PDB file of N, CA and C in Angstrom:
ATOM      1  N   UNK A   1      -4.149 -24.052  32.307  1.00  0.00           N
ATOM      2  CA  UNK A   1      -4.798 -24.290  31.034  1.00  0.00           C
ATOM      3  C   UNK A   1      -5.168 -22.963  30.357  1.00  0.00           C
ATOM      4  N   UNK A   2      -5.684 -21.997  31.135  1.00  0.00           N
ATOM      5  CA  UNK A   2      -6.032 -20.692  30.564  1.00  0.00           C
ATOM      6  C   UNK A   2      -4.793 -20.005  30.010  1.00  0.00           C
ATOM      7  N   UNK A   3      -3.673 -20.192  30.674  1.00  0.00           N
ATOM      8  CA  UNK A   3      -2.425 -19.580  30.219  1.00  0.00           C
ATOM      9  C   UNK A   3      -2.014 -20.146  28.868  1.00  0.00           C
ATOM     10  N   UNK A   4      -2.158 -21.445  28.701  1.00  0.00           N
ATOM     11  CA  UNK A   4      -1.799 -22.088  27.435  1.00  0.00           C
ATOM     12  C   UNK A   4      -2.689 -21.564  26.307  1.00  0.00           C
ATOM     13  N   UNK A   5      -3.975 -21.421  26.573  1.00  0.00           N
ATOM     14  CA  UNK A   5      -4.901 -20.907  25.565  1.00  0.00           C
ATOM     15  C   UNK A   5      -4.542 -19.462  25.211  1.00  0.00           C
ATOM     16  N   UNK A   6      -4.258 -18.660  26.217  1.00  0.00           N
ATOM     17  CA  UNK A   6      -3.888 -17.269  25.991  1.00  0.00           C
ATOM     18  C   UNK A   6      -2.613 -17.172  25.158  1.00  0.00           C
ATOM     19  N   UNK A   7      -1.615 -17.952  25.487  1.00  0.00           N
ATOM     20  CA  UNK A   7      -0.355 -17.940  24.736  1.00  0.00           C
ATOM     21  C   UNK A   7      -0.614 -18.380  23.290  1.00  0.00           C
ATOM     22  N   UNK A   8      -1.458 -19.382  23.114  1.00  0.00           N
ATOM     23  CA  UNK A   8      -1.810 -19.838  21.765  1.00  0.00           C
ATOM     24  C   UNK A   8      -2.458 -18.738  20.947  1.00  0.00           C
ATOM     25  N   UNK A   9      -3.396 -18.024  21.541  1.00  0.00           N
ATOM     26  CA  UNK A   9      -4.065 -16.925  20.842  1.00  0.00           C
ATOM     27  C   UNK A   9      -3.079 -15.810  20.500  1.00  0.00           C
ATOM     28  N   UNK A  10      -2.199 -15.493  21.418  1.00  0.00           N
ATOM     29  CA  UNK A  10      -1.203 -14.450  21.152  1.00  0.00           C
ATOM     30  C   UNK A  10      -0.274 -14.850  20.012  1.00  0.00           C
ATOM     31  N   UNK A  11       0.087 -16.114  19.972  1.00  0.00           N
ATOM     32  CA  UNK A  11       0.929 -16.600  18.869  1.00  0.00           C
ATOM     33  C   UNK A  11       0.198 -16.481  17.540  1.00  0.00           C
ATOM     34  N   UNK A  12      -1.052 -16.862  17.512  1.00  0.00           N
ATOM     35  CA  UNK A  12      -1.840 -16.749  16.287  1.00  0.00           C
ATOM     36  C   UNK A  12      -1.983 -15.299  15.848  1.00  0.00           C
ATOM     37  N   UNK A  13      -2.231 -14.413  16.792  1.00  0.00           N
ATOM     38  CA  UNK A  13      -2.359 -12.991  16.462  1.00  0.00           C
ATOM     39  C   UNK A  13      -1.064 -12.437  15.893  1.00  0.00           C
ATOM     40  N   UNK A  14       0.052 -12.822  16.484  1.00  0.00           N
ATOM     41  CA  UNK A  14       1.327 -12.300  15.996  1.00  0.00           C
ATOM     42  C   UNK A  14       1.638 -12.841  14.606  1.00  0.00           C
ATOM     43  N   UNK A  15       1.228 -14.048  14.312  1.00  0.00           N
ATOM     44  CA  UNK A  15       1.450 -14.611  12.982  1.00  0.00           C
ATOM     45  C   UNK A  15       0.542 -13.976  11.945  1.00  0.00           C
ATOM     46  N   UNK A  16      -0.640 -13.560  12.354  1.00  0.00           N
ATOM     47  CA  UNK A  16      -1.591 -13.005  11.395  1.00  0.00           C
ATOM     48  C   UNK A  16      -1.280 -11.561  11.028  1.00  0.00           C
ATOM     49  N   UNK A  17      -0.475 -10.877  11.832  1.00  0.00           N
ATOM     50  CA  UNK A  17      -0.121  -9.488  11.516  1.00  0.00           C
ATOM     51  C   UNK A  17       0.878  -9.470  10.376  1.00  0.00           C
ATOM     52  N   UNK A  18       0.653  -8.631   9.420  1.00  0.00           N
ATOM     53  CA  UNK A  18       1.541  -8.539   8.271  1.00  0.00           C
ATOM     54  C   UNK A  18       2.873  -7.943   8.683  1.00  0.00           C
ATOM     55  N   UNK A  19       3.917  -8.451   8.094  1.00  0.00           N
ATOM     56  CA  UNK A  19       5.251  -7.926   8.337  1.00  0.00           C
ATOM     57  C   UNK A  19       5.763  -7.351   7.026  1.00  0.00           C
ATOM     58  N   UNK A  20       5.912  -6.053   6.987  1.00  0.00           N
ATOM     59  CA  UNK A  20       6.348  -5.383   5.769  1.00  0.00           C
ATOM     60  C   UNK A  20       7.829  -5.047   5.802  1.00  0.00           C
ATOM     61  N   UNK A  21       8.554  -5.564   6.764  1.00  0.00           N
ATOM     62  CA  UNK A  21       9.961  -5.239   6.921  1.00  0.00           C
ATOM     63  C   UNK A  21      10.701  -5.445   5.611  1.00  0.00           C
ATOM     64  N   UNK A  22      11.256  -4.376   5.096  1.00  0.00           N
ATOM     65  CA  UNK A  22      12.060  -4.437   3.890  1.00  0.00           C
ATOM     66  C   UNK A  22      11.281  -4.447   2.589  1.00  0.00           C
ATOM     67  N   UNK A  23       9.976  -4.672   2.634  1.00  0.00           N
ATOM     68  CA  UNK A  23       9.204  -4.744   1.396  1.00  0.00           C
ATOM     69  C   UNK A  23       9.026  -3.355   0.782  1.00  0.00           C
ATOM     70  N   UNK A  24       9.463  -3.245  -0.419  1.00  0.00           N
ATOM     71  CA  UNK A  24       9.281  -2.049  -1.245  1.00  0.00           C
ATOM     72  C   UNK A  24       9.947  -0.797  -0.665  1.00  0.00           C
ATOM     73  N   UNK A  25      10.850  -0.956   0.277  1.00  0.00           N
ATOM     74  CA  UNK A  25      11.536   0.222   0.813  1.00  0.00           C
ATOM     75  C   UNK A  25      12.420   0.888  -0.240  1.00  0.00           C
ATOM     76  N   UNK A  26      12.868   0.121  -1.224  1.00  0.00           N
ATOM     77  CA  UNK A  26      13.718   0.672  -2.271  1.00  0.00           C
ATOM     78  C   UNK A  26      12.968   0.859  -3.586  1.00  0.00           C
ATOM     79  N   UNK A  27      11.641   0.846  -3.524  1.00  0.00           N
ATOM     80  CA  UNK A  27      10.837   1.049  -4.726  1.00  0.00           C
ATOM     81  C   UNK A  27      11.115   2.452  -5.266  1.00  0.00           C
ATOM     82  N   UNK A  28      11.447   2.541  -6.546  1.00  0.00           N
ATOM     83  CA  UNK A  28      11.815   3.824  -7.153  1.00  0.00           C
ATOM     84  C   UNK A  28      10.584   4.489  -7.762  1.00  0.00           C
ATOM     85  N   UNK A  29       9.851   5.203  -6.942  1.00  0.00           N
ATOM     86  CA  UNK A  29       8.636   5.882  -7.387  1.00  0.00           C
ATOM     87  C   UNK A  29       8.948   6.934  -8.444  1.00  0.00           C
ATOM     88  N   UNK A  30      10.061   7.629  -8.292  1.00  0.00           N
ATOM     89  CA  UNK A  30      10.434   8.660  -9.267  1.00  0.00           C
ATOM     90  C   UNK A  30      10.648   8.058 -10.653  1.00  0.00           C
ATOM     91  N   UNK A  31      11.238   6.877 -10.705  1.00  0.00           N
ATOM     92  CA  UNK A  31      11.469   6.207 -11.982  1.00  0.00           C
ATOM     93  C   UNK A  31      10.131   5.868 -12.652  1.00  0.00           C
ATOM     94  N   UNK A  32       9.170   5.431 -11.862  1.00  0.00           N
ATOM     95  CA  UNK A  32       7.859   5.079 -12.396  1.00  0.00           C
ATOM     96  C   UNK A  32       7.107   6.324 -12.845  1.00  0.00           C
ATOM     97  N   UNK A  33       7.084   7.352 -12.019  1.00  0.00           N
ATOM     98  CA  UNK A  33       6.300   8.551 -12.345  1.00  0.00           C
ATOM     99  C   UNK A  33       6.936   9.374 -13.464  1.00  0.00           C
ATOM    100  N   UNK A  34       8.212   9.181 -13.734  1.00  0.00           N
ATOM    101  CA  UNK A  34       8.857   9.915 -14.830  1.00  0.00           C
ATOM    102  C   UNK A  34       8.679   9.206 -16.177  1.00  0.00           C
ATOM    103  N   UNK A  35       8.085   8.022 -16.166  1.00  0.00           N
ATOM    104  CA  UNK A  35       7.846   7.254 -17.386  1.00  0.00           C
ATOM    105  C   UNK A  35       6.337   7.039 -17.506  1.00  0.00           C
ATOM    106  N   UNK A  36       5.708   7.796 -18.375  1.00  0.00           N
ATOM    107  CA  UNK A  36       4.240   7.793 -18.475  1.00  0.00           C
ATOM    108  C   UNK A  36       3.672   6.388 -18.713  1.00  0.00           C
ATOM    109  N   UNK A  37       4.304   5.617 -19.576  1.00  0.00           N
ATOM    110  CA  UNK A  37       3.819   4.268 -19.872  1.00  0.00           C
ATOM    111  C   UNK A  37       3.883   3.381 -18.617  1.00  0.00           C
ATOM    112  N   UNK A  38       4.969   3.473 -17.902  1.00  0.00           N
ATOM    113  CA  UNK A  38       5.123   2.669 -16.683  1.00  0.00           C
ATOM    114  C   UNK A  38       4.147   3.131 -15.604  1.00  0.00           C
ATOM    115  N   UNK A  39       3.985   4.447 -15.509  1.00  0.00           N
ATOM    116  CA  UNK A  39       3.054   4.984 -14.517  1.00  0.00           C
ATOM    117  C   UNK A  39       1.625   4.521 -14.812  1.00  0.00           C
ATOM    118  N   UNK A  40       1.253   4.478 -16.084  1.00  0.00           N
ATOM    119  CA  UNK A  40      -0.088   4.038 -16.442  1.00  0.00           C
ATOM    120  C   UNK A  40      -0.288   2.553 -16.135  1.00  0.00           C
ATOM    121  N   UNK A  41       0.766   1.751 -16.262  1.00  0.00           N
ATOM    122  CA  UNK A  41       0.678   0.335 -15.883  1.00  0.00           C
ATOM    123  C   UNK A  41       0.364   0.224 -14.390  1.00  0.00           C
ATOM    124  N   UNK A  42       1.045   1.040 -13.591  1.00  0.00           N
ATOM    125  CA  UNK A  42       0.821   1.038 -12.144  1.00  0.00           C
ATOM    126  C   UNK A  42      -0.603   1.504 -11.825  1.00  0.00           C
ATOM    127  N   UNK A  43      -1.017   2.603 -12.398  1.00  0.00           N
ATOM    128  CA  UNK A  43      -2.355   3.140 -12.147  1.00  0.00           C
ATOM    129  C   UNK A  43      -3.421   2.132 -12.556  1.00  0.00           C
ATOM    130  N   UNK A  44      -3.293   1.596 -13.768  1.00  0.00           N
ATOM    131  CA  UNK A  44      -4.293   0.641 -14.260  1.00  0.00           C
ATOM    132  C   UNK A  44      -4.332  -0.627 -13.422  1.00  0.00           C
ATOM    133  N   UNK A  45      -3.199  -1.041 -12.914  1.00  0.00           N
ATOM    134  CA  UNK A  45      -3.169  -2.177 -11.987  1.00  0.00           C
ATOM    135  C   UNK A  45      -3.957  -1.826 -10.728  1.00  0.00           C
ATOM    136  N   UNK A  46      -3.677  -0.671 -10.170  1.00  0.00           N
ATOM    137  CA  UNK A  46      -4.316  -0.263  -8.918  1.00  0.00           C
ATOM    138  C   UNK A  46      -5.826  -0.092  -9.061  1.00  0.00           C
ATOM    139  N   UNK A  47      -6.277   0.408 -10.213  1.00  0.00           N
ATOM    140  CA  UNK A  47      -7.725   0.621 -10.373  1.00  0.00           C
ATOM    141  C   UNK A  47      -8.419  -0.586 -10.991  1.00  0.00           C
ATOM    142  N   UNK A  48      -7.634  -1.577 -11.387  1.00  0.00           N
ATOM    143  CA  UNK A  48      -8.211  -2.836 -11.857  1.00  0.00           C
ATOM    144  C   UNK A  48      -8.626  -2.869 -13.316  1.00  0.00           C
ATOM    145  N   UNK A  49      -8.081  -1.970 -14.128  1.00  0.00           N
ATOM    146  CA  UNK A  49      -8.439  -1.964 -15.544  1.00  0.00           C
ATOM    147  C   UNK A  49      -7.415  -2.688 -16.411  1.00  0.00           C
ATOM    148  N   UNK A  50      -6.339  -3.156 -15.808  1.00  0.00           N
ATOM    149  CA  UNK A  50      -5.294  -3.854 -16.538  1.00  0.00           C
ATOM    150  C   UNK A  50      -4.712  -4.930 -15.630  1.00  0.00           C
ATOM    151  N   UNK A  51      -4.251  -6.006 -16.234  1.00  0.00           N
ATOM    152  CA  UNK A  51      -3.599  -7.054 -15.458  1.00  0.00           C
ATOM    153  C   UNK A  51      -2.315  -6.498 -14.853  1.00  0.00           C
ATOM    154  N   UNK A  52      -2.102  -6.783 -13.607  1.00  0.00           N
ATOM    155  CA  UNK A  52      -0.919  -6.294 -12.898  1.00  0.00           C
ATOM    156  C   UNK A  52       0.310  -7.122 -13.227  1.00  0.00           C
ATOM    157  N   UNK A  53       1.450  -6.460 -13.308  1.00  0.00           N
ATOM    158  CA  UNK A  53       2.713  -7.183 -13.337  1.00  0.00           C
ATOM    159  C   UNK A  53       2.899  -7.782 -11.943  1.00  0.00           C
ATOM    160  N   UNK A  54       3.812  -8.696 -11.797  1.00  0.00           N
ATOM    161  CA  UNK A  54       4.065  -9.295 -10.483  1.00  0.00           C
ATOM    162  C   UNK A  54       4.429  -8.218  -9.468  1.00  0.00           C
ATOM    163  N   UNK A  55       5.320  -7.319  -9.855  1.00  0.00           N
ATOM    164  CA  UNK A  55       5.767  -6.254  -8.952  1.00  0.00           C
ATOM    165  C   UNK A  55       4.608  -5.358  -8.528  1.00  0.00           C
ATOM    166  N   UNK A  56       3.826  -4.876  -9.491  1.00  0.00           N
ATOM    167  CA  UNK A  56       2.741  -3.959  -9.169  1.00  0.00           C
ATOM    168  C   UNK A  56       1.603  -4.669  -8.429  1.00  0.00           C
ATOM    169  N   UNK A  57       1.381  -5.925  -8.751  1.00  0.00           N
ATOM    170  CA  UNK A  57       0.367  -6.701  -8.029  1.00  0.00           C
ATOM    171  C   UNK A  57       0.747  -6.867  -6.562  1.00  0.00           C
ATOM    172  N   UNK A  58       2.033  -7.182  -6.329  1.00  0.00           N
ATOM    173  CA  UNK A  58       2.517  -7.309  -4.948  1.00  0.00           C
ATOM    174  C   UNK A  58       2.448  -5.971  -4.222  1.00  0.00           C
ATOM    175  N   UNK A  59       2.837  -4.900  -4.918  1.00  0.00           N
ATOM    176  CA  UNK A  59       2.786  -3.565  -4.326  1.00  0.00           C
ATOM    177  C   UNK A  59       1.355  -3.182  -3.973  1.00  0.00           C
ATOM    178  N   UNK A  60       0.436  -3.458  -4.882  1.00  0.00           N
ATOM    179  CA  UNK A  60      -0.981  -3.159  -4.642  1.00  0.00           C
ATOM    180  C   UNK A  60      -1.483  -3.895  -3.399  1.00  0.00           C
ATOM    181  N   UNK A  61      -1.131  -5.158  -3.287  1.00  0.00           N
ATOM    182  CA  UNK A  61      -1.556  -5.964  -2.137  1.00  0.00           C
ATOM    183  C   UNK A  61      -1.004  -5.394  -0.827  1.00  0.00           C
ATOM    184  N   UNK A  62       0.277  -5.061  -0.834  1.00  0.00           N
ATOM    185  CA  UNK A  62       0.903  -4.528   0.385  1.00  0.00           C
ATOM    186  C   UNK A  62       0.305  -3.175   0.745  1.00  0.00           C
ATOM    187  N   UNK A  63       0.117  -2.307  -0.233  1.00  0.00           N
ATOM    188  CA  UNK A  63      -0.466  -0.989   0.054  1.00  0.00           C
ATOM    189  C   UNK A  63      -1.878  -1.142   0.607  1.00  0.00           C
ATOM    190  N   UNK A  64      -2.662  -2.028   0.015  1.00  0.00           N
ATOM    191  CA  UNK A  64      -4.031  -2.260   0.509  1.00  0.00           C
ATOM    192  C   UNK A  64      -3.993  -2.747   1.963  1.00  0.00           C
ATOM    193  N   UNK A  65      -3.080  -3.663   2.268  1.00  0.00           N
ATOM    194  CA  UNK A  65      -2.950  -4.154   3.644  1.00  0.00           C
ATOM    195  C   UNK A  65      -2.504  -3.031   4.578  1.00  0.00           C
ATOM    196  N   UNK A  66      -1.595  -2.190   4.099  1.00  0.00           N
ATOM    197  CA  UNK A  66      -1.134  -1.070   4.919  1.00  0.00           C
ATOM    198  C   UNK A  66      -2.270  -0.098   5.205  1.00  0.00           C
ATOM    199  N   UNK A  67      -3.101   0.145   4.206  1.00  0.00           N
ATOM    200  CA  UNK A  67      -4.261   1.016   4.410  1.00  0.00           C
ATOM    201  C   UNK A  67      -5.198   0.395   5.436  1.00  0.00           C
ATOM    202  N   UNK A  68      -5.466  -0.896   5.267  1.00  0.00           N
ATOM    203  CA  UNK A  68      -6.413  -1.585   6.146  1.00  0.00           C
ATOM    204  C   UNK A  68      -5.948  -1.638   7.598  1.00  0.00           C
ATOM    205  N   UNK A  69      -4.620  -1.667   7.818  1.00  0.00           N
ATOM    206  CA  UNK A  69      -4.145  -1.716   9.209  1.00  0.00           C
ATOM    207  C   UNK A  69      -3.515  -0.394   9.655  1.00  0.00           C
ATOM    208  N   UNK A  70      -3.880   0.683   8.945  1.00  0.00           N
ATOM    209  CA  UNK A  70      -3.422   2.037   9.288  1.00  0.00           C
ATOM    210  C   UNK A  70      -1.908   2.164   9.352  1.00  0.00           C
ATOM    211  N   UNK A  71      -1.231   1.336   8.574  1.00  0.00           N
ATOM    212  CA  UNK A  71       0.225   1.404   8.432  1.00  0.00           C
ATOM    213  C   UNK A  71       0.960   1.159   9.760  1.00  0.00           C
ATOM    214  N   UNK A  72       0.348   0.413  10.658  1.00  0.00           N
ATOM    215  CA  UNK A  72       0.997   0.171  11.952  1.00  0.00           C
ATOM    216  C   UNK A  72       2.265  -0.660  11.819  1.00  0.00           C
ATOM    217  N   UNK A  73       2.391  -1.440  10.742  1.00  0.00           N
ATOM    218  CA  UNK A  73       3.584  -2.254  10.545  1.00  0.00           C
ATOM    219  C   UNK A  73       4.535  -1.658   9.519  1.00  0.00           C
ATOM    220  N   UNK A  74       4.287  -0.436   9.094  1.00  0.00           N
ATOM    221  CA  UNK A  74       5.149   0.213   8.109  1.00  0.00           C
ATOM    222  C   UNK A  74       6.428   0.705   8.767  1.00  0.00           C
ATOM    223  N   UNK A  75       7.513   0.595   8.033  1.00  0.00           N
ATOM    224  CA  UNK A  75       8.756   1.217   8.494  1.00  0.00           C
ATOM    225  C   UNK A  75       8.659   2.713   8.168  1.00  0.00           C
ATOM    226  N   UNK A  76       9.564   3.486   8.720  1.00  0.00           N
ATOM    227  CA  UNK A  76       9.567   4.920   8.425  1.00  0.00           C
ATOM    228  C   UNK A  76       9.803   5.161   6.935  1.00  0.00           C
ATOM    229  N   UNK A  77      10.679   4.368   6.348  1.00  0.00           N
ATOM    230  CA  UNK A  77      10.975   4.488   4.921  1.00  0.00           C
ATOM    231  C   UNK A  77       9.736   4.187   4.072  1.00  0.00           C
ATOM    232  N   UNK A  78       8.991   3.159   4.445  1.00  0.00           N
ATOM    233  CA  UNK A  78       7.770   2.815   3.714  1.00  0.00           C
ATOM    234  C   UNK A  78       6.723   3.911   3.857  1.00  0.00           C
ATOM    235  N   UNK A  79       6.575   4.422   5.053  1.00  0.00           N
ATOM    236  CA  UNK A  79       5.603   5.480   5.294  1.00  0.00           C
ATOM    237  C   UNK A  79       5.955   6.728   4.479  1.00  0.00           C
ATOM    238  N   UNK A  80       7.244   7.072   4.438  1.00  0.00           N
ATOM    239  CA  UNK A  80       7.689   8.224   3.656  1.00  0.00           C
ATOM    240  C   UNK A  80       7.369   8.027   2.172  1.00  0.00           C
ATOM    241  N   UNK A  81       7.619   6.823   1.656  1.00  0.00           N
ATOM    242  CA  UNK A  81       7.325   6.515   0.258  1.00  0.00           C
ATOM    243  C   UNK A  81       5.822   6.537  -0.008  1.00  0.00           C
ATOM    244  N   UNK A  82       5.057   6.016   0.925  1.00  0.00           N
ATOM    245  CA  UNK A  82       3.602   5.993   0.832  1.00  0.00           C
ATOM    246  C   UNK A  82       3.060   7.422   0.717  1.00  0.00           C
ATOM    247  N   UNK A  83       3.511   8.297   1.587  1.00  0.00           N
ATOM    248  CA  UNK A  83       3.066   9.695   1.585  1.00  0.00           C
ATOM    249  C   UNK A  83       3.527  10.401   0.312  1.00  0.00           C
ATOM    250  N   UNK A  84       4.745  10.110  -0.132  1.00  0.00           N
ATOM    251  CA  UNK A  84       5.267  10.702  -1.371  1.00  0.00           C
ATOM    252  C   UNK A  84       4.380  10.310  -2.559  1.00  0.00           C
ATOM    253  N   UNK A  85       3.986   9.052  -2.618  1.00  0.00           N
ATOM    254  CA  UNK A  85       3.111   8.581  -3.692  1.00  0.00           C
ATOM    255  C   UNK A  85       1.756   9.265  -3.653  1.00  0.00           C
ATOM    256  N   UNK A  86       1.203   9.371  -2.461  1.00  0.00           N
ATOM    257  CA  UNK A  86      -0.094  10.042  -2.311  1.00  0.00           C
ATOM    258  C   UNK A  86       0.002  11.484  -2.808  1.00  0.00           C
ATOM    259  N   UNK A  87       1.025  12.198  -2.362  1.00  0.00           N
ATOM    260  CA  UNK A  87       1.185  13.603  -2.759  1.00  0.00           C
ATOM    261  C   UNK A  87       1.374  13.733  -4.265  1.00  0.00           C
ATOM    262  N   UNK A  88       2.180  12.837  -4.834  1.00  0.00           N
ATOM    263  CA  UNK A  88       2.419  12.920  -6.276  1.00  0.00           C
ATOM    264  C   UNK A  88       1.115  12.754  -7.048  1.00  0.00           C
ATOM    265  N   UNK A  89       0.402  11.679  -6.782  1.00  0.00           N
ATOM    266  CA  UNK A  89      -0.805  11.410  -7.549  1.00  0.00           C
ATOM    267  C   UNK A  89      -1.902  12.444  -7.271  1.00  0.00           C
ATOM    268  N   UNK A  90      -1.995  12.884  -6.064  1.00  0.00           N
ATOM    269  CA  UNK A  90      -3.008  13.885  -5.725  1.00  0.00           C
ATOM    270  C   UNK A  90      -2.740  15.201  -6.455  1.00  0.00           C
ATOM    271  N   UNK A  91      -1.480  15.610  -6.542  1.00  0.00           N
ATOM    272  CA  UNK A  91      -1.130  16.884  -7.174  1.00  0.00           C
ATOM    273  C   UNK A  91      -1.026  16.789  -8.692  1.00  0.00           C
ATOM    274  N   UNK A  92      -0.489  15.682  -9.202  1.00  0.00           N
ATOM    275  CA  UNK A  92      -0.168  15.594 -10.626  1.00  0.00           C
ATOM    276  C   UNK A  92      -1.147  14.769 -11.463  1.00  0.00           C
ATOM    277  N   UNK A  93      -1.883  13.906 -10.828  1.00  0.00           N
ATOM    278  CA  UNK A  93      -2.822  13.045 -11.534  1.00  0.00           C
ATOM    279  C   UNK A  93      -4.134  12.964 -10.743  1.00  0.00           C
ATOM    280  N   UNK A  94      -4.806  14.114 -10.521  1.00  0.00           N
ATOM    281  CA  UNK A  94      -5.976  14.123  -9.639  1.00  0.00           C
ATOM    282  C   UNK A  94      -7.118  13.202 -10.075  1.00  0.00           C
ATOM    283  N   UNK A  95      -7.341  13.062 -11.375  1.00  0.00           N
ATOM    284  CA  UNK A  95      -8.421  12.176 -11.833  1.00  0.00           C
ATOM    285  C   UNK A  95      -8.078  10.719 -11.513  1.00  0.00           C
ATOM    286  N   UNK A  96      -6.839  10.345 -11.776  1.00  0.00           N
ATOM    287  CA  UNK A  96      -6.416   8.977 -11.457  1.00  0.00           C
ATOM    288  C   UNK A  96      -6.324   8.771  -9.943  1.00  0.00           C
ATOM    289  N   UNK A  97      -5.920   9.814  -9.237  1.00  0.00           N
ATOM    290  CA  UNK A  97      -5.870   9.734  -7.774  1.00  0.00           C
ATOM    291  C   UNK A  97      -7.253   9.392  -7.229  1.00  0.00           C
ATOM    292  N   UNK A  98      -8.264  10.057  -7.734  1.00  0.00           N
ATOM    293  CA  UNK A  98      -9.636   9.815  -7.278  1.00  0.00           C
ATOM    294  C   UNK A  98     -10.048   8.361  -7.550  1.00  0.00           C
ATOM    295  N   UNK A  99      -9.722   7.865  -8.735  1.00  0.00           N
ATOM    296  CA  UNK A  99     -10.049   6.468  -9.072  1.00  0.00           C
ATOM    297  C   UNK A  99      -9.298   5.486  -8.164  1.00  0.00           C
ATOM    298  N   UNK A 100      -8.002   5.764  -7.942  1.00  0.00           N
ATOM    299  CA  UNK A 100      -7.213   4.876  -7.068  1.00  0.00           C
ATOM    300  C   UNK A 100      -7.744   4.917  -5.640  1.00  0.00           C
ATOM    301  N   UNK A 101      -8.104   6.092  -5.193  1.00  0.00           N
ATOM    302  CA  UNK A 101      -8.631   6.246  -3.847  1.00  0.00           C
ATOM    303  C   UNK A 101      -9.952   5.479  -3.696  1.00  0.00           C
ATOM    304  N   UNK A 102     -10.817   5.592  -4.688  1.00  0.00           N
ATOM    305  CA  UNK A 102     -12.098   4.869  -4.638  1.00  0.00           C
ATOM    306  C   UNK A 102     -11.886   3.361  -4.627  1.00  0.00           C
ATOM    307  N   UNK A 103     -10.911   2.891  -5.377  1.00  0.00           N
ATOM    308  CA  UNK A 103     -10.655   1.454  -5.495  1.00  0.00           C
ATOM    309  C   UNK A 103      -9.875   0.907  -4.291  1.00  0.00           C
ATOM    310  N   UNK A 104      -8.845   1.625  -3.881  1.00  0.00           N
ATOM    311  CA  UNK A 104      -7.938   1.118  -2.844  1.00  0.00           C
ATOM    312  C   UNK A 104      -8.378   1.498  -1.431  1.00  0.00           C
ATOM    313  N   UNK A 105      -9.094   2.611  -1.318  1.00  0.00           N
ATOM    314  CA  UNK A 105      -9.423   3.128   0.010  1.00  0.00           C
ATOM    315  C   UNK A 105     -10.826   3.745   0.031  1.00  0.00           C
ATOM    316  N   UNK A 106     -11.852   2.942  -0.236  1.00  0.00           N
ATOM    317  CA  UNK A 106     -13.208   3.495  -0.302  1.00  0.00           C
ATOM    318  C   UNK A 106     -13.699   4.088   1.024  1.00  0.00           C
ATOM    319  N   UNK A 107     -13.108   3.682   2.132  1.00  0.00           N
ATOM    320  CA  UNK A 107     -13.523   4.215   3.442  1.00  0.00           C
ATOM    321  C   UNK A 107     -12.781   5.475   3.831  1.00  0.00           C
ATOM    322  N   UNK A 108     -11.807   5.902   3.036  1.00  0.00           N
ATOM    323  CA  UNK A 108     -11.082   7.133   3.307  1.00  0.00           C
ATOM    324  C   UNK A 108     -10.094   7.040   4.457  1.00  0.00           C
ATOM    325  N   UNK A 109      -9.513   5.877   4.672  1.00  0.00           N
ATOM    326  CA  UNK A 109      -8.580   5.695   5.782  1.00  0.00           C
ATOM    327  C   UNK A 109      -7.238   6.380   5.533  1.00  0.00           C
ATOM    328  N   UNK A 110      -6.886   6.620   4.244  1.00  0.00           N
ATOM    329  CA  UNK A 110      -5.605   7.248   3.928  1.00  0.00           C
ATOM    330  C   UNK A 110      -5.591   8.719   4.272  1.00  0.00           C
ATOM    331  N   UNK A 111      -6.746   9.288   4.518  1.00  0.00           N
ATOM    332  CA  UNK A 111      -6.860  10.724   4.758  1.00  0.00           C
ATOM    333  C   UNK A 111      -5.841  11.214   5.798  1.00  0.00           C
ATOM    334  N   UNK A 112      -5.554  10.423   6.777  1.00  0.00           N
ATOM    335  CA  UNK A 112      -4.615  10.873   7.815  1.00  0.00           C
ATOM    336  C   UNK A 112      -3.193  11.028   7.310  1.00  0.00           C
ATOM    337  N   UNK A 113      -2.889  10.480   6.122  1.00  0.00           N
ATOM    338  CA  UNK A 113      -1.548  10.579   5.579  1.00  0.00           C
ATOM    339  C   UNK A 113      -1.336  11.827   4.720  1.00  0.00           C
ATOM    340  N   UNK A 114      -2.401  12.568   4.462  1.00  0.00           N
ATOM    341  CA  UNK A 114      -2.222  13.786   3.661  1.00  0.00           C
ATOM    342  C   UNK A 114      -3.068  14.858   4.188  1.00  0.00           C
TER     343      UNK A 114
END
C-alpha cells in the first residue's frame, strides 16, 4: 500500500513539473530588439503596463516559471536565449531592465544567469 501511495505522489510530482521542451527555442529576440515598437510591446507586457499579445503573454508566463524553478527544465537553447535577453536588456535598456527585474524576479533569482 505504501508503494502505491509513493508511486502516486511521484506521478503527481512529475505531472506538476513544467515541460518547456521546444517552447520558444526559435524565438527571434534579435527581430524584436531591432524593432523599437515591437520591443516596447514586449517590455510593457512584461512590466504589466500594456495588454500582452498571445505570444508575449505566453513568453512572460514561461519565463516567470523558468525563473521560479531556476530553469531546471530549460533546454540549452532556451537557457542561451534567456541569458542573451538578460544581457541585451541589462546593457541596452537598463531602466526597463530594472522594471522587468522588479516585476518578473523580485527575489533576484535571475542573478545567477548574469
